[in-house]
N, C-alpha and C. Protein backbone atom coordinates (compact mmCIF):
# COMPACT_ATOMS: atom_id res chain seq x y z
N UNK A 1 -93.27 -176.19 99.46
CA UNK A 1 -92.07 -176.37 98.50
C UNK A 1 -90.82 -175.47 98.96
N UNK A 2 -91.17 -174.26 99.09
CA UNK A 2 -90.16 -173.19 99.51
C UNK A 2 -89.50 -173.52 100.79
N UNK A 3 -90.27 -174.09 101.64
CA UNK A 3 -89.71 -174.68 103.01
C UNK A 3 -88.82 -175.64 102.88
N UNK A 4 -89.13 -176.61 102.02
CA UNK A 4 -88.30 -177.73 101.81
C UNK A 4 -86.94 -177.36 101.19
N UNK A 5 -87.00 -176.37 100.18
CA UNK A 5 -85.78 -175.89 99.55
C UNK A 5 -84.94 -175.09 100.65
N UNK A 6 -85.53 -174.27 101.34
CA UNK A 6 -84.83 -173.49 102.41
C UNK A 6 -84.17 -174.56 103.35
N UNK A 7 -84.80 -175.55 103.83
CA UNK A 7 -84.22 -176.50 104.68
C UNK A 7 -83.09 -177.21 104.17
N UNK A 8 -83.20 -177.44 103.01
CA UNK A 8 -81.98 -178.18 102.26
C UNK A 8 -80.86 -177.29 102.15
N UNK A 9 -81.11 -176.01 101.79
CA UNK A 9 -79.87 -174.97 101.74
C UNK A 9 -79.27 -174.77 103.04
N UNK A 10 -80.10 -174.71 104.08
CA UNK A 10 -79.56 -174.47 105.36
C UNK A 10 -78.82 -175.67 105.99
N UNK A 11 -79.17 -176.90 105.61
CA UNK A 11 -78.45 -178.14 106.11
C UNK A 11 -77.27 -178.43 105.28
N UNK A 12 -77.06 -177.84 104.15
CA UNK A 12 -75.75 -178.12 103.50
C UNK A 12 -74.68 -177.70 104.16
N UNK A 13 -73.47 -178.45 104.16
CA UNK A 13 -72.19 -178.11 104.64
C UNK A 13 -71.47 -177.25 103.66
N UNK A 14 -70.47 -176.57 104.16
CA UNK A 14 -69.76 -175.69 103.43
C UNK A 14 -68.87 -176.54 102.44
N UNK A 15 -68.57 -177.84 102.77
CA UNK A 15 -67.74 -178.51 101.79
C UNK A 15 -68.56 -179.03 100.70
N UNK A 16 -69.81 -178.92 100.77
CA UNK A 16 -70.76 -179.21 99.62
C UNK A 16 -71.02 -178.06 98.64
N UNK A 17 -70.61 -176.88 99.06
CA UNK A 17 -70.73 -175.76 98.21
C UNK A 17 -69.69 -175.76 97.19
N UNK A 18 -69.94 -175.69 95.93
CA UNK A 18 -68.86 -175.79 95.00
C UNK A 18 -67.81 -174.54 95.03
N UNK A 19 -66.67 -174.92 94.86
CA UNK A 19 -65.70 -173.75 94.91
C UNK A 19 -65.80 -172.72 93.86
N UNK A 20 -65.79 -171.49 94.21
CA UNK A 20 -65.84 -170.31 93.15
C UNK A 20 -64.60 -169.82 92.82
N UNK A 21 -63.43 -170.07 93.48
CA UNK A 21 -62.17 -169.49 93.30
C UNK A 21 -61.04 -170.41 93.41
N UNK A 22 -60.06 -170.06 92.55
CA UNK A 22 -58.77 -170.93 92.49
C UNK A 22 -57.66 -170.00 92.73
N UNK A 23 -56.50 -170.61 93.43
CA UNK A 23 -55.44 -169.85 93.60
C UNK A 23 -54.29 -171.00 93.13
N UNK A 24 -53.35 -170.48 92.24
CA UNK A 24 -52.41 -171.28 91.46
C UNK A 24 -51.10 -170.69 91.60
N UNK A 25 -50.07 -171.54 91.51
CA UNK A 25 -48.66 -171.12 91.52
C UNK A 25 -47.89 -172.01 90.65
N UNK A 26 -46.76 -171.72 90.29
CA UNK A 26 -45.78 -172.45 89.44
C UNK A 26 -44.64 -172.98 90.22
N UNK A 27 -44.21 -174.19 89.98
CA UNK A 27 -42.96 -174.65 90.66
C UNK A 27 -41.78 -174.44 89.54
N UNK A 28 -42.09 -174.43 88.37
CA UNK A 28 -41.16 -174.10 87.29
C UNK A 28 -41.65 -173.10 86.30
N UNK A 29 -40.73 -172.54 85.53
CA UNK A 29 -41.15 -171.43 84.63
C UNK A 29 -40.63 -171.99 83.18
N UNK A 30 -41.59 -172.09 82.34
CA UNK A 30 -41.32 -172.45 80.86
C UNK A 30 -41.65 -171.31 79.94
N UNK A 31 -40.72 -171.11 79.04
CA UNK A 31 -40.94 -170.10 78.00
C UNK A 31 -41.13 -170.75 76.78
N UNK A 32 -42.07 -170.40 75.95
CA UNK A 32 -42.30 -170.99 74.51
C UNK A 32 -42.35 -169.98 73.46
N UNK A 33 -41.89 -170.28 72.36
CA UNK A 33 -41.95 -169.57 71.17
C UNK A 33 -42.15 -170.45 70.01
N UNK A 34 -42.26 -169.93 68.80
CA UNK A 34 -42.51 -170.80 67.63
C UNK A 34 -41.38 -171.79 67.44
N UNK A 35 -40.26 -171.53 68.01
CA UNK A 35 -38.96 -172.53 67.61
C UNK A 35 -38.77 -173.42 68.81
N UNK A 36 -39.62 -173.48 69.82
CA UNK A 36 -39.71 -174.47 70.90
C UNK A 36 -39.83 -173.90 72.32
N UNK A 37 -39.72 -174.77 73.27
CA UNK A 37 -39.97 -174.33 74.77
C UNK A 37 -38.79 -174.68 75.47
N UNK A 38 -38.48 -174.00 76.60
CA UNK A 38 -37.40 -174.27 77.45
C UNK A 38 -37.65 -173.84 78.93
N UNK A 39 -37.22 -174.64 79.86
CA UNK A 39 -37.38 -174.32 81.30
C UNK A 39 -36.33 -173.56 81.78
N UNK A 40 -36.65 -172.62 82.62
CA UNK A 40 -35.68 -171.75 83.29
C UNK A 40 -34.82 -172.72 84.31
N UNK A 41 -33.62 -172.50 84.48
CA UNK A 41 -32.90 -173.23 85.41
C UNK A 41 -33.37 -172.97 86.84
N UNK A 42 -33.07 -173.98 87.66
CA UNK A 42 -33.61 -174.01 89.08
C UNK A 42 -33.07 -172.65 89.73
N UNK A 43 -33.74 -171.97 90.40
CA UNK A 43 -33.22 -170.73 91.02
C UNK A 43 -33.42 -169.49 90.27
N UNK A 44 -33.69 -169.71 89.01
CA UNK A 44 -34.11 -168.58 88.09
C UNK A 44 -35.55 -168.50 87.72
N UNK A 45 -36.40 -169.27 88.38
CA UNK A 45 -37.76 -169.24 88.07
C UNK A 45 -38.45 -168.03 88.72
N UNK A 46 -39.31 -167.41 87.91
CA UNK A 46 -40.13 -166.33 88.50
C UNK A 46 -41.35 -166.86 89.14
N UNK A 47 -41.61 -166.61 90.38
CA UNK A 47 -42.77 -167.11 90.96
C UNK A 47 -44.01 -166.35 90.49
N UNK A 48 -45.11 -167.18 90.12
CA UNK A 48 -46.34 -166.59 89.77
C UNK A 48 -47.37 -166.87 90.72
N UNK A 49 -48.34 -165.93 90.85
CA UNK A 49 -49.52 -166.10 91.67
C UNK A 49 -50.72 -165.78 90.81
N UNK A 50 -51.58 -166.86 90.70
CA UNK A 50 -52.72 -166.71 89.82
C UNK A 50 -54.00 -167.00 90.65
N UNK A 51 -54.88 -166.05 90.42
CA UNK A 51 -56.27 -166.18 90.90
C UNK A 51 -57.24 -166.22 89.81
N UNK A 52 -58.26 -167.00 89.91
CA UNK A 52 -59.29 -167.16 88.91
C UNK A 52 -60.63 -167.55 89.53
N UNK A 53 -61.66 -166.95 89.07
CA UNK A 53 -62.97 -167.20 89.63
C UNK A 53 -63.92 -167.69 88.51
N UNK A 54 -65.03 -168.50 88.99
CA UNK A 54 -66.04 -168.98 88.05
C UNK A 54 -66.71 -167.95 87.29
N UNK A 55 -66.87 -166.60 87.81
CA UNK A 55 -67.52 -165.51 87.18
C UNK A 55 -66.63 -164.96 86.03
N UNK A 56 -65.33 -165.39 85.82
CA UNK A 56 -64.50 -165.01 84.69
C UNK A 56 -63.26 -164.00 85.31
N UNK A 57 -63.49 -163.46 86.51
CA UNK A 57 -62.41 -162.50 86.90
C UNK A 57 -61.06 -163.43 87.11
N UNK A 58 -59.90 -162.77 86.73
CA UNK A 58 -58.72 -163.63 86.94
C UNK A 58 -57.53 -162.48 87.26
N UNK A 59 -56.37 -162.97 87.63
CA UNK A 59 -55.25 -162.20 87.75
C UNK A 59 -54.11 -163.10 87.53
N UNK A 60 -53.10 -162.76 86.76
CA UNK A 60 -51.96 -163.68 86.46
C UNK A 60 -50.81 -162.72 86.86
N UNK A 61 -50.12 -162.89 88.05
CA UNK A 61 -49.24 -162.04 88.55
C UNK A 61 -47.79 -162.68 88.50
N UNK A 62 -46.85 -161.87 87.99
CA UNK A 62 -45.48 -162.22 87.88
C UNK A 62 -44.67 -160.94 87.76
N UNK A 63 -43.35 -161.16 88.07
CA UNK A 63 -42.59 -159.86 88.13
C UNK A 63 -43.07 -158.85 89.02
N UNK A 64 -43.41 -157.73 88.57
CA UNK A 64 -43.70 -156.61 89.46
C UNK A 64 -45.23 -156.09 89.16
N UNK A 65 -46.01 -157.02 88.73
CA UNK A 65 -47.37 -156.52 88.36
C UNK A 65 -48.21 -157.87 88.03
N UNK A 66 -49.40 -157.54 87.49
CA UNK A 66 -50.42 -158.52 87.21
C UNK A 66 -51.06 -158.23 85.78
N UNK A 67 -51.42 -159.36 85.05
CA UNK A 67 -52.47 -159.18 84.01
C UNK A 67 -53.71 -159.54 84.51
N UNK A 68 -54.69 -158.52 84.72
CA UNK A 68 -55.87 -158.78 85.24
C UNK A 68 -57.02 -158.45 84.24
N UNK A 69 -58.04 -159.23 84.37
CA UNK A 69 -59.21 -159.03 83.47
C UNK A 69 -60.30 -159.96 83.76
N UNK A 70 -61.33 -160.14 82.72
CA UNK A 70 -62.33 -160.93 83.00
C UNK A 70 -62.65 -161.68 81.63
N UNK A 71 -62.94 -162.85 81.71
CA UNK A 71 -63.05 -163.84 80.46
C UNK A 71 -64.34 -164.58 80.71
N UNK A 72 -64.82 -165.12 79.68
CA UNK A 72 -65.76 -166.03 79.68
C UNK A 72 -65.17 -167.40 80.24
N UNK A 73 -65.73 -168.04 81.21
CA UNK A 73 -65.30 -169.52 81.73
C UNK A 73 -65.98 -170.55 81.01
N UNK A 74 -65.29 -171.52 80.47
CA UNK A 74 -65.96 -172.63 79.90
C UNK A 74 -65.53 -173.79 80.80
N UNK A 75 -66.57 -174.61 81.26
CA UNK A 75 -66.50 -175.84 81.97
C UNK A 75 -66.71 -177.02 81.11
N UNK A 76 -65.77 -177.75 80.79
CA UNK A 76 -65.92 -179.01 79.95
C UNK A 76 -65.57 -180.10 80.83
N UNK A 77 -66.65 -180.76 81.51
CA UNK A 77 -66.56 -181.90 82.43
C UNK A 77 -65.50 -181.75 83.43
N UNK A 78 -65.43 -180.64 84.11
CA UNK A 78 -64.51 -180.39 85.24
C UNK A 78 -63.16 -179.76 84.82
N UNK A 79 -63.03 -179.55 83.45
CA UNK A 79 -61.80 -178.74 82.99
C UNK A 79 -62.28 -177.39 82.76
N UNK A 80 -61.69 -176.45 83.41
CA UNK A 80 -62.10 -175.10 83.31
C UNK A 80 -61.10 -174.31 82.57
N UNK A 81 -61.57 -173.28 81.68
CA UNK A 81 -60.73 -172.66 80.64
C UNK A 81 -61.27 -171.29 80.82
N UNK A 82 -60.17 -170.27 81.03
CA UNK A 82 -60.28 -168.89 80.86
C UNK A 82 -59.50 -168.39 79.66
N UNK A 83 -60.03 -167.56 78.85
CA UNK A 83 -59.30 -167.04 77.72
C UNK A 83 -59.65 -165.51 77.47
N UNK A 84 -58.66 -164.74 77.36
CA UNK A 84 -58.89 -163.25 77.16
C UNK A 84 -57.71 -162.65 76.33
N UNK A 85 -58.08 -161.80 75.45
CA UNK A 85 -57.09 -161.23 74.57
C UNK A 85 -56.71 -159.82 75.10
N UNK A 86 -55.52 -159.37 74.82
CA UNK A 86 -55.00 -157.88 75.03
C UNK A 86 -55.19 -157.49 76.44
N UNK A 87 -54.83 -158.38 77.38
CA UNK A 87 -55.07 -157.98 78.84
C UNK A 87 -53.96 -157.01 79.20
N UNK A 88 -54.24 -155.93 79.81
CA UNK A 88 -53.16 -155.04 80.27
C UNK A 88 -52.50 -155.50 81.55
N UNK A 89 -51.22 -155.15 81.62
CA UNK A 89 -50.36 -155.49 82.70
C UNK A 89 -50.43 -154.24 83.64
N UNK A 90 -50.48 -154.51 85.00
CA UNK A 90 -50.86 -153.41 85.88
C UNK A 90 -49.70 -152.42 86.05
N UNK A 91 -48.50 -152.73 85.77
CA UNK A 91 -47.38 -151.79 85.85
C UNK A 91 -46.79 -151.92 84.54
N UNK A 92 -47.30 -151.22 83.48
CA UNK A 92 -46.77 -151.27 82.19
C UNK A 92 -45.46 -150.47 81.88
N UNK A 93 -44.51 -150.90 81.08
CA UNK A 93 -43.46 -150.09 80.75
C UNK A 93 -44.05 -148.98 79.74
N UNK A 94 -43.11 -148.09 79.35
CA UNK A 94 -43.39 -147.15 78.33
C UNK A 94 -44.16 -147.90 77.17
N UNK A 95 -45.32 -147.34 76.71
CA UNK A 95 -45.88 -147.87 75.53
C UNK A 95 -46.74 -149.15 75.84
N UNK A 96 -46.88 -149.48 77.13
CA UNK A 96 -47.95 -150.44 77.55
C UNK A 96 -47.44 -151.93 77.32
N UNK A 97 -47.91 -152.83 77.85
CA UNK A 97 -47.61 -154.25 77.83
C UNK A 97 -48.90 -155.05 78.04
N UNK A 98 -49.44 -155.54 76.89
CA UNK A 98 -50.69 -156.29 77.01
C UNK A 98 -50.28 -157.76 76.53
N UNK A 99 -51.00 -158.76 76.84
CA UNK A 99 -50.82 -160.14 76.46
C UNK A 99 -52.21 -160.77 76.45
N UNK A 100 -52.17 -161.83 75.66
CA UNK A 100 -53.28 -162.88 75.49
C UNK A 100 -53.09 -163.79 76.85
N UNK A 101 -54.21 -164.12 77.39
CA UNK A 101 -54.19 -164.90 78.61
C UNK A 101 -54.96 -166.27 78.33
N UNK A 102 -54.35 -167.40 78.55
CA UNK A 102 -55.01 -168.64 78.52
C UNK A 102 -54.69 -169.44 79.78
N UNK A 103 -55.78 -169.72 80.43
CA UNK A 103 -55.57 -170.44 81.78
C UNK A 103 -56.51 -171.75 81.75
N UNK A 104 -56.00 -172.83 82.16
CA UNK A 104 -56.71 -174.10 82.13
C UNK A 104 -56.52 -174.77 83.46
N UNK A 105 -57.58 -175.22 84.15
CA UNK A 105 -57.45 -175.90 85.43
C UNK A 105 -58.27 -177.18 85.26
N UNK A 106 -57.70 -178.36 85.84
CA UNK A 106 -58.49 -179.63 85.97
C UNK A 106 -58.89 -179.69 87.37
N UNK A 107 -60.19 -179.51 87.59
CA UNK A 107 -60.67 -179.37 88.97
C UNK A 107 -60.36 -180.48 89.94
N UNK A 108 -60.53 -181.69 89.47
CA UNK A 108 -60.31 -182.92 90.36
C UNK A 108 -58.87 -183.07 90.63
N UNK A 109 -57.96 -182.75 89.87
CA UNK A 109 -56.64 -183.03 90.08
C UNK A 109 -55.83 -181.69 90.69
N UNK A 110 -56.39 -180.49 90.62
CA UNK A 110 -55.71 -179.33 91.03
C UNK A 110 -54.43 -178.93 90.37
N UNK A 111 -54.51 -179.26 89.07
CA UNK A 111 -53.37 -178.79 88.30
C UNK A 111 -53.88 -177.94 87.21
N UNK A 112 -52.95 -177.37 86.52
CA UNK A 112 -53.33 -176.37 85.49
C UNK A 112 -52.27 -176.06 84.61
N UNK A 113 -52.41 -175.06 83.72
CA UNK A 113 -51.55 -174.47 82.72
C UNK A 113 -51.80 -173.06 82.46
N UNK A 114 -51.00 -172.15 82.27
CA UNK A 114 -51.06 -170.88 81.93
C UNK A 114 -50.19 -170.43 80.76
N UNK A 115 -50.72 -169.72 79.98
CA UNK A 115 -49.96 -169.14 78.84
C UNK A 115 -50.25 -167.57 78.81
N UNK A 116 -49.21 -166.85 79.01
CA UNK A 116 -49.27 -165.42 79.03
C UNK A 116 -47.94 -164.78 78.80
N UNK A 117 -47.81 -163.85 77.89
CA UNK A 117 -46.53 -163.09 77.63
C UNK A 117 -45.33 -163.96 77.37
N UNK A 118 -45.29 -165.02 76.70
CA UNK A 118 -44.20 -165.91 76.34
C UNK A 118 -44.20 -167.07 77.42
N UNK A 119 -44.68 -167.04 78.62
CA UNK A 119 -44.72 -168.01 79.54
C UNK A 119 -45.69 -169.03 79.23
N UNK A 120 -45.36 -170.22 79.42
CA UNK A 120 -46.25 -171.36 79.16
C UNK A 120 -45.85 -172.44 80.21
N UNK A 121 -46.51 -172.34 81.41
CA UNK A 121 -46.21 -173.06 82.60
C UNK A 121 -47.04 -173.93 83.12
N UNK A 122 -46.81 -175.11 83.74
CA UNK A 122 -47.77 -175.84 84.51
C UNK A 122 -47.98 -175.23 85.84
N UNK A 123 -49.12 -175.53 86.45
CA UNK A 123 -49.49 -174.96 87.68
C UNK A 123 -50.08 -175.88 88.73
N UNK A 124 -49.89 -175.56 90.04
CA UNK A 124 -50.55 -176.31 91.05
C UNK A 124 -51.68 -175.41 91.47
N UNK A 125 -52.81 -175.84 91.67
CA UNK A 125 -54.06 -174.95 91.95
C UNK A 125 -54.73 -175.45 93.17
N UNK A 126 -55.23 -174.60 94.15
CA UNK A 126 -55.95 -174.86 95.23
C UNK A 126 -57.53 -174.32 94.94
N UNK A 127 -58.51 -174.97 95.40
CA UNK A 127 -59.83 -174.47 95.43
C UNK A 127 -59.94 -173.70 96.55
N UNK A 128 -60.71 -172.55 96.38
CA UNK A 128 -60.92 -171.67 97.56
C UNK A 128 -62.33 -171.15 97.49
N UNK A 129 -63.32 -171.53 98.44
CA UNK A 129 -64.59 -170.97 98.25
C UNK A 129 -64.50 -169.44 98.65
N UNK A 130 -65.42 -168.72 98.08
CA UNK A 130 -65.32 -167.27 98.24
C UNK A 130 -65.97 -167.12 99.74
N UNK A 131 -65.24 -166.29 100.45
CA UNK A 131 -65.79 -165.94 101.79
C UNK A 131 -66.97 -165.09 101.69
N UNK A 132 -67.87 -165.23 102.68
CA UNK A 132 -68.96 -164.39 102.70
C UNK A 132 -68.69 -162.92 102.92
N UNK A 133 -67.50 -162.47 103.43
CA UNK A 133 -67.23 -161.12 103.56
C UNK A 133 -66.34 -160.66 102.49
N UNK A 134 -66.15 -161.39 101.37
CA UNK A 134 -65.18 -161.09 100.29
C UNK A 134 -65.77 -159.85 99.48
N UNK A 135 -64.80 -159.04 99.02
CA UNK A 135 -65.26 -157.87 98.28
C UNK A 135 -65.39 -158.17 96.82
N UNK A 136 -65.27 -159.50 96.47
CA UNK A 136 -65.71 -159.90 95.12
C UNK A 136 -64.61 -159.59 94.08
N UNK A 137 -63.41 -159.09 94.46
CA UNK A 137 -62.39 -158.79 93.53
C UNK A 137 -61.73 -160.00 92.93
N UNK A 138 -60.89 -159.85 92.12
CA UNK A 138 -59.99 -160.90 91.31
C UNK A 138 -58.83 -161.46 92.14
N UNK A 139 -58.66 -160.65 93.24
CA UNK A 139 -57.52 -161.18 94.06
C UNK A 139 -56.47 -160.00 94.00
N UNK A 140 -56.53 -159.08 93.26
CA UNK A 140 -55.64 -157.99 93.25
C UNK A 140 -54.11 -158.28 93.20
N UNK A 141 -53.78 -159.44 92.63
CA UNK A 141 -52.48 -159.89 92.73
C UNK A 141 -52.03 -160.72 93.95
N UNK A 142 -52.92 -160.99 94.70
CA UNK A 142 -52.54 -161.70 95.99
C UNK A 142 -52.42 -163.24 95.78
N UNK A 143 -52.99 -163.59 94.52
CA UNK A 143 -53.12 -165.11 94.24
C UNK A 143 -54.06 -165.85 95.02
N UNK A 144 -55.05 -164.98 95.58
CA UNK A 144 -56.20 -165.60 96.29
C UNK A 144 -57.51 -165.73 95.30
C-alpha cells in the first residue's frame, strides 16, 4: 500500500499540486466609508502588492509598508477568505496604525477583493506554488 502511494506521489506533475500561495495587485483604488465609495482618478492610484497563503499568512502592502499577519483561511467551494483584526502596519506613524484585513479570492477566476484601512479594491490574483526552497514567509511585502 505504501509503495502504491509513494509511486502515485512521485508520478504527480507540479501542475497537479494545488497552489499554496497567491500574489495579487490592484488596477484601481477604491476608498469606502459609511457614506459611499469612490475610485481614485487614473494616475493617483496607490499600487498594492498582496501575498496570501493557505496556511493563513498574508501581507497587504501599500504606501510605504505592509499590514502583515496570520488569519484562519476559509475555503467555500474555491472562494478563499482571510480575515484578521487589528493587524499592525510595518512602518507605523506615531501612535501606531492597525487595521482589520479582509481578503477574498475566487480561485478559478483569479480575481479578488481586499478591504483594509479604508481601501476596498478589486484585485487580480495569480496562483503561485510554494517553491521547495522557500523560507515559508508571507512574502515580506514583495507581493509573492
